[in-house]
Amino acid sequence: MNPVIEAIKNRRSTRKYAPEMLSEEHLTAILDAGLWAPSAHNDQGWHLTVLRNKEMIEALNTDTKAALLSSPLDWARAMGQSPHFHVFYHAPVVIVVSGRNSALSPLADCCAAIQNMLVAAESLSIGSCWIGLCRNLFAKPDMLKKWAGLLKLPQGHTPQFCVTLGNKTGFPPKPPNRAENTVNYIN
């Protein structure tokens, strides 16, 4: 099988990481893959902030869990209340993916960069997980202002999602069956 397609099909969200840091070579390759993603009108409207500082990752976890407490979703509030749940699964690396507000399609640009990073990580046998729960935090204006400063984001960028990276522990889960009737052809 083609190695790119194989990486796409083998990729799973990793939620258990070994504590050791990724090699600079692997981290750089994953980030570079994100920067080579397609973007609307070639705006390249993303910015990647790499967190390797455990205290900052813990603070981001704490604030995100607090933001989950005001979610209208029962399961999200339960995650925010759980003393055992860690938003970033104790990954040694968290990447905050931010979009440039003036880009034509910053959300889609960020999503394309994330997908490239996830597939690149899998191709290197590195675990990864796309973290959408952080959007609950960044949706709060006071927290957005706080974290934009802490993350040293360029002016005019808004955090969209986070990605966790680290060495995998255990075996990946069996892939779920693909949904049926999701493609049609018009000839």
C-alpha atoms as a PDB file:
ATOM      1  CA  MET A   1       0.000   0.000   0.000  1.00  0.00           C
ATOM      2  CA  ASN A   2       1.132   3.558  -0.615  1.00  0.00           C
ATOM      3  CA  PRO A   3       2.855   4.820   2.599  1.00  0.00           C
ATOM      4  CA  VAL A   4       0.815   8.045   2.742  1.00  0.00           C
ATOM      5  CA  ILE A   5      -2.480   6.174   2.474  1.00  0.00           C
ATOM      6  CA  GLU A   6      -1.195   3.627   4.986  1.00  0.00           C
ATOM      7  CA  ALA A   7      -0.383   6.420   7.489  1.00  0.00           C
ATOM      8  CA  ILE A   8      -3.840   7.929   6.973  1.00  0.00           C
ATOM      9  CA  LYS A   9      -5.553   4.579   7.595  1.00  0.00           C
ATOM     10  CA  ASN A  10      -3.352   3.643  10.589  1.00  0.00           C
ATOM     11  CA  ARG A  11      -3.642   6.980  12.410  1.00  0.00           C
ATOM     12  CA  ARG A  12      -5.576   6.875  15.681  1.00  0.00           C
ATOM     13  CA  SER A  13      -6.062   9.454  18.400  1.00  0.00           C
ATOM     14  CA  THR A  14      -3.500   8.730  21.091  1.00  0.00           C
ATOM     15  CA  ARG A  15      -4.637   9.318  24.649  1.00  0.00           C
ATOM     16  CA  LYS A  16      -1.764   7.744  26.548  1.00  0.00           C
ATOM     17  CA  TYR A  17       1.767   9.020  26.130  1.00  0.00           C
ATOM     18  CA  ALA A  18       5.215   8.130  27.382  1.00  0.00           C
ATOM     19  CA  PRO A  19       6.674  11.016  29.406  1.00  0.00           C
ATOM     20  CA  GLU A  20       9.873  11.489  27.391  1.00  0.00           C
ATOM     21  CA  MET A  21      10.193  14.426  25.015  1.00  0.00           C
ATOM     22  CA  LEU A  22      10.057  13.963  21.262  1.00  0.00           C
ATOM     23  CA  SER A  23      13.291  14.302  19.347  1.00  0.00           C
ATOM     24  CA  GLU A  24      13.857  17.690  17.723  1.00  0.00           C
ATOM     25  CA  GLU A  25      14.097  15.915  14.376  1.00  0.00           C
ATOM     26  CA  HIS A  26      10.628  14.375  14.697  1.00  0.00           C
ATOM     27  CA  LEU A  27       9.035  17.527  16.113  1.00  0.00           C
ATOM     28  CA  THR A  28      10.521  19.656  13.328  1.00  0.00           C
ATOM     29  CA  ALA A  29       9.314  17.212  10.656  1.00  0.00           C
ATOM     30  CA  ILE A  30       5.765  17.231  12.085  1.00  0.00           C
ATOM     31  CA  LEU A  31       5.640  21.028  12.306  1.00  0.00           C
ATOM     32  CA  ASP A  32       7.042  21.352   8.792  1.00  0.00           C
ATOM     33  CA  ALA A  33       4.313  19.037   7.474  1.00  0.00           C
ATOM     34  CA  GLY A  34       1.735  21.375   9.023  1.00  0.00           C
ATOM     35  CA  LEU A  35       3.287  24.371   7.319  1.00  0.00           C
ATOM     36  CA  TRP A  36       3.045  22.632   3.931  1.00  0.00           C
ATOM     37  CA  ALA A  37      -0.724  22.198   4.200  1.00  0.00           C
ATOM     38  CA  PRO A  38      -2.996  23.695   1.563  1.00  0.00           C
ATOM     39  CA  SER A  39      -4.706  26.943   2.469  1.00  0.00           C
ATOM     40  CA  ALA A  40      -7.396  29.121   0.963  1.00  0.00           C
ATOM     41  CA  HIS A  41      -5.861  31.473  -1.606  1.00  0.00           C
ATOM     42  CA  ASN A  42      -2.446  30.284  -0.311  1.00  0.00           C
ATOM     43  CA  ASP A  43      -2.903  32.620   2.681  1.00  0.00           C
ATOM     44  CA  GLN A  44      -1.071  30.187   4.971  1.00  0.00           C
ATOM     45  CA  GLY A  45      -3.176  31.717   7.734  1.00  0.00           C
ATOM     46  CA  TRP A  46      -1.917  29.567  10.593  1.00  0.00           C
ATOM     47  CA  HIS A  47       0.460  30.039  13.482  1.00  0.00           C
ATOM     48  CA  LEU A  48       1.820  27.130  15.544  1.00  0.00           C
ATOM     49  CA  THR A  49       2.789  27.602  19.187  1.00  0.00           C
ATOM     50  CA  VAL A  50       4.737  24.657  20.613  1.00  0.00           C
ATOM     51  CA  LEU A  51       4.336  24.067  24.352  1.00  0.00           C
ATOM     52  CA  ARG A  52       6.873  21.794  26.045  1.00  0.00           C
ATOM     53  CA  ASN A  53       6.728  23.498  29.427  1.00  0.00           C
ATOM     54  CA  LYS A  54       4.831  21.194  31.822  1.00  0.00           C
ATOM     55  CA  GLU A  55       3.649  24.058  34.036  1.00  0.00           C
ATOM     56  CA  MET A  56       2.160  25.925  31.077  1.00  0.00           C
ATOM     57  CA  ILE A  57       0.481  22.762  29.759  1.00  0.00           C
ATOM     58  CA  GLU A  58      -0.986  22.173  33.241  1.00  0.00           C
ATOM     59  CA  ALA A  59      -2.251  25.768  33.425  1.00  0.00           C
ATOM     60  CA  LEU A  60      -3.874  25.390  29.999  1.00  0.00           C
ATOM     61  CA  ASN A  61      -5.437  22.115  31.188  1.00  0.00           C
ATOM     62  CA  THR A  62      -6.782  23.767  34.362  1.00  0.00           C
ATOM     63  CA  ASP A  63      -8.268  26.743  32.516  1.00  0.00           C
ATOM     64  CA  THR A  64      -9.785  24.532  29.808  1.00  0.00           C
ATOM     65  CA  LYS A  65     -11.419  22.285  32.408  1.00  0.00           C
ATOM     66  CA  ALA A  66     -12.820  25.365  34.167  1.00  0.00           C
ATOM     67  CA  ALA A  67     -14.247  26.566  30.837  1.00  0.00           C
ATOM     68  CA  LEU A  68     -15.889  23.161  30.314  1.00  0.00           C
ATOM     69  CA  LEU A  69     -17.913  23.677  33.496  1.00  0.00           C
ATOM     70  CA  SER A  70     -20.107  26.227  31.707  1.00  0.00           C
ATOM     71  CA  SER A  71     -20.708  24.024  28.661  1.00  0.00           C
ATOM     72  CA  PRO A  72     -24.346  23.250  27.796  1.00  0.00           C
ATOM     73  CA  LEU A  73     -23.267  19.627  27.219  1.00  0.00           C
ATOM     74  CA  ASP A  74     -23.486  17.242  30.172  1.00  0.00           C
ATOM     75  CA  TRP A  75     -20.494  15.148  29.045  1.00  0.00           C
ATOM     76  CA  ALA A  76     -18.308  18.265  28.678  1.00  0.00           C
ATOM     77  CA  ARG A  77     -19.227  19.513  32.166  1.00  0.00           C
ATOM     78  CA  ALA A  78     -18.454  16.038  33.541  1.00  0.00           C
ATOM     79  CA  MET A  79     -14.983  16.171  31.957  1.00  0.00           C
ATOM     80  CA  GLY A  80     -14.423  19.588  33.508  1.00  0.00           C
ATOM     81  CA  GLN A  81     -15.364  18.230  36.938  1.00  0.00           C
ATOM     82  CA  SER A  82     -13.340  15.023  36.754  1.00  0.00           C
ATOM     83  CA  PRO A  83     -10.167  15.095  38.852  1.00  0.00           C
ATOM     84  CA  HIS A  84      -8.760  12.272  36.705  1.00  0.00           C
ATOM     85  CA  PHE A  85      -9.353  13.774  33.259  1.00  0.00           C
ATOM     86  CA  HIS A  86      -6.481  15.657  31.621  1.00  0.00           C
ATOM     87  CA  VAL A  87      -7.466  17.596  28.494  1.00  0.00           C
ATOM     88  CA  PHE A  88      -4.046  16.947  26.924  1.00  0.00           C
ATOM     89  CA  TYR A  89      -3.609  13.390  28.221  1.00  0.00           C
ATOM     90  CA  HIS A  90      -0.273  14.311  29.841  1.00  0.00           C
ATOM     91  CA  ALA A  91       1.386  14.602  26.429  1.00  0.00           C
ATOM     92  CA  PRO A  92       4.897  16.080  26.549  1.00  0.00           C
ATOM     93  CA  VAL A  93       4.121  18.402  23.608  1.00  0.00           C
ATOM     94  CA  VAL A  94       1.009  20.481  22.953  1.00  0.00           C
ATOM     95  CA  ILE A  95       0.721  22.589  19.828  1.00  0.00           C
ATOM     96  CA  VAL A  96      -1.755  25.468  19.861  1.00  0.00           C
ATOM     97  CA  VAL A  97      -2.903  26.100  16.294  1.00  0.00           C
ATOM     98  CA  SER A  98      -4.060  29.665  15.720  1.00  0.00           C
ATOM     99  CA  GLY A  99      -5.565  31.285  12.653  1.00  0.00           C
ATOM    100  CA  ARG A 100      -4.823  34.728  11.278  1.00  0.00           C
ATOM    101  CA  ASN A 101      -8.137  36.583  11.441  1.00  0.00           C
ATOM    102  CA  SER A 102      -7.526  38.390   8.140  1.00  0.00           C
ATOM    103  CA  ALA A 103      -6.977  35.148   6.193  1.00  0.00           C
ATOM    104  CA  LEU A 104      -9.665  34.138   3.719  1.00  0.00           C
ATOM    105  CA  SER A 105     -10.515  30.939   5.629  1.00  0.00           C
ATOM    106  CA  PRO A 106      -8.462  30.673   8.848  1.00  0.00           C
ATOM    107  CA  LEU A 107     -10.439  27.798  10.390  1.00  0.00           C
ATOM    108  CA  ALA A 108     -10.116  25.602   7.288  1.00  0.00           C
ATOM    109  CA  ASP A 109      -6.430  26.549   6.977  1.00  0.00           C
ATOM    110  CA  CYS A 110      -5.793  25.487  10.581  1.00  0.00           C
ATOM    111  CA  CYS A 111      -7.687  22.224  10.077  1.00  0.00           C
ATOM    112  CA  ALA A 112      -5.610  21.375   6.992  1.00  0.00           C
ATOM    113  CA  ALA A 113      -2.381  22.078   8.908  1.00  0.00           C
ATOM    114  CA  ILE A 114      -3.565  19.877  11.781  1.00  0.00           C
ATOM    115  CA  GLN A 115      -4.436  16.977   9.491  1.00  0.00           C
ATOM    116  CA  ASN A 116      -0.997  17.177   7.878  1.00  0.00           C
ATOM    117  CA  MET A 117       0.649  17.107  11.315  1.00  0.00           C
ATOM    118  CA  LEU A 118      -1.436  14.129  12.465  1.00  0.00           C
ATOM    119  CA  VAL A 119      -0.586  12.090   9.378  1.00  0.00           C
ATOM    120  CA  ALA A 120       3.096  13.087   9.581  1.00  0.00           C
ATOM    121  CA  ALA A 121       3.186  12.038  13.237  1.00  0.00           C
ATOM    122  CA  GLU A 122       1.738   8.632  12.377  1.00  0.00           C
ATOM    123  CA  SER A 123       4.270   8.184   9.580  1.00  0.00           C
ATOM    124  CA  LEU A 124       6.979   8.625  12.252  1.00  0.00           C
ATOM    125  CA  SER A 125       5.188   6.315  14.759  1.00  0.00           C
ATOM    126  CA  ILE A 126       4.489   9.320  16.997  1.00  0.00           C
ATOM    127  CA  GLY A 127       1.166   9.528  18.824  1.00  0.00           C
ATOM    128  CA  SER A 128      -1.109  12.510  18.298  1.00  0.00           C
ATOM    129  CA  CYS A 129      -4.588  13.740  19.135  1.00  0.00           C
ATOM    130  CA  TRP A 130      -6.611  16.656  17.792  1.00  0.00           C
ATOM    131  CA  ILE A 131      -7.980  18.485  20.853  1.00  0.00           C
ATOM    132  CA  GLY A 132     -11.184  20.410  20.225  1.00  0.00           C
ATOM    133  CA  LEU A 133     -12.075  20.948  23.891  1.00  0.00           C
ATOM    134  CA  CYS A 134      -9.698  23.924  24.070  1.00  0.00           C
ATOM    135  CA  ARG A 135     -12.166  25.858  21.901  1.00  0.00           C
ATOM    136  CA  ASN A 136     -14.360  26.149  25.019  1.00  0.00           C
ATOM    137  CA  LEU A 137     -11.557  28.122  26.658  1.00  0.00           C
ATOM    138  CA  PHE A 138     -10.716  30.295  23.647  1.00  0.00           C
ATOM    139  CA  ALA A 139     -14.405  31.181  23.193  1.00  0.00           C
ATOM    140  CA  LYS A 140     -14.311  33.135  26.460  1.00  0.00           C
ATOM    141  CA  PRO A 141     -13.065  36.693  25.728  1.00  0.00           C
ATOM    142  CA  ASP A 142     -11.198  37.080  29.022  1.00  0.00           C
ATOM    143  CA  MET A 143      -9.461  33.708  28.608  1.00  0.00           C
ATOM    144  CA  LEU A 144      -8.719  34.402  24.938  1.00  0.00           C
ATOM    145  CA  LYS A 145      -6.985  37.648  25.915  1.00  0.00           C
ATOM    146  CA  LYS A 146      -5.065  35.938  28.739  1.00  0.00           C
ATOM    147  CA  TRP A 147      -3.876  33.018  26.611  1.00  0.00           C
ATOM    148  CA  ALA A 148      -3.112  35.096  23.517  1.00  0.00           C
ATOM    149  CA  GLY A 149      -0.656  36.963  25.744  1.00  0.00           C
ATOM    150  CA  LEU A 150       0.769  33.869  27.436  1.00  0.00           C
ATOM    151  CA  LEU A 151       1.193  32.137  24.073  1.00  0.00           C
ATOM    152  CA  LYS A 152       2.797  35.266  22.581  1.00  0.00           C
ATOM    153  CA  LEU A 153       0.508  35.056  19.577  1.00  0.00           C
ATOM    154  CA  PRO A 154       1.094  37.468  16.736  1.00  0.00           C
ATOM    155  CA  GLN A 155      -1.410  40.328  16.613  1.00  0.00           C
ATOM    156  CA  GLY A 156      -4.617  39.367  14.832  1.00  0.00           C
ATOM    157  CA  HIS A 157      -4.441  35.591  15.456  1.00  0.00           C
ATOM    158  CA  THR A 158      -7.041  33.507  17.303  1.00  0.00           C
ATOM    159  CA  PRO A 159      -6.343  30.067  18.774  1.00  0.00           C
ATOM    160  CA  GLN A 160      -8.522  27.436  17.125  1.00  0.00           C
ATOM    161  CA  PHE A 161      -7.459  23.967  18.293  1.00  0.00           C
ATOM    162  CA  CYS A 162      -4.672  22.108  20.042  1.00  0.00           C
ATOM    163  CA  VAL A 163      -2.735  19.000  19.041  1.00  0.00           C
ATOM    164  CA  THR A 164      -1.001  16.650  21.465  1.00  0.00           C
ATOM    165  CA  LEU A 165       2.170  14.819  20.468  1.00  0.00           C
ATOM    166  CA  GLY A 166       4.254  12.182  22.189  1.00  0.00           C
ATOM    167  CA  ASN A 167       5.579   8.682  22.052  1.00  0.00           C
ATOM    168  CA  LYS A 168       2.760   6.139  22.103  1.00  0.00           C
ATOM    169  CA  THR A 169       2.269   3.651  24.912  1.00  0.00           C
ATOM    170  CA  GLY A 170       0.155   0.567  24.466  1.00  0.00           C
ATOM    171  CA  PHE A 171      -1.534  -0.540  21.294  1.00  0.00           C
ATOM    172  CA  PRO A 172      -3.788   1.611  19.119  1.00  0.00           C
ATOM    173  CA  PRO A 173      -7.498   0.871  19.295  1.00  0.00           C
ATOM    174  CA  LYS A 174      -9.149  -1.057  16.503  1.00  0.00           C
ATOM    175  CA  PRO A 175     -10.423   1.396  13.914  1.00  0.00           C
ATOM    176  CA  PRO A 176     -14.159   1.958  13.877  1.00  0.00           C
ATOM    177  CA  ASN A 177     -16.030   0.916  10.774  1.00  0.00           C
ATOM    178  CA  ARG A 178     -16.375   3.672   8.219  1.00  0.00           C
ATOM    179  CA  ALA A 179     -19.833   5.178   7.842  1.00  0.00           C
ATOM    180  CA  GLU A 180     -21.773   3.848   4.881  1.00  0.00           C
ATOM    181  CA  ASN A 181     -23.486   5.828   2.137  1.00  0.00           C
ATOM    182  CA  THR A 182     -21.127   8.776   2.404  1.00  0.00           C
ATOM    183  CA  VAL A 183     -20.092   8.920  -1.268  1.00  0.00           C
ATOM    184  CA  ASN A 184     -22.222   9.267  -4.353  1.00  0.00           C
ATOM    185  CA  TYR A 185     -21.296   9.692  -8.008  1.00  0.00           C
ATOM    186  CA  ILE A 186     -22.978  11.821 -10.624  1.00  0.00           C
ATOM    187  CA  ASN A 187     -21.809  10.878 -14.126  1.00  0.00           C
END
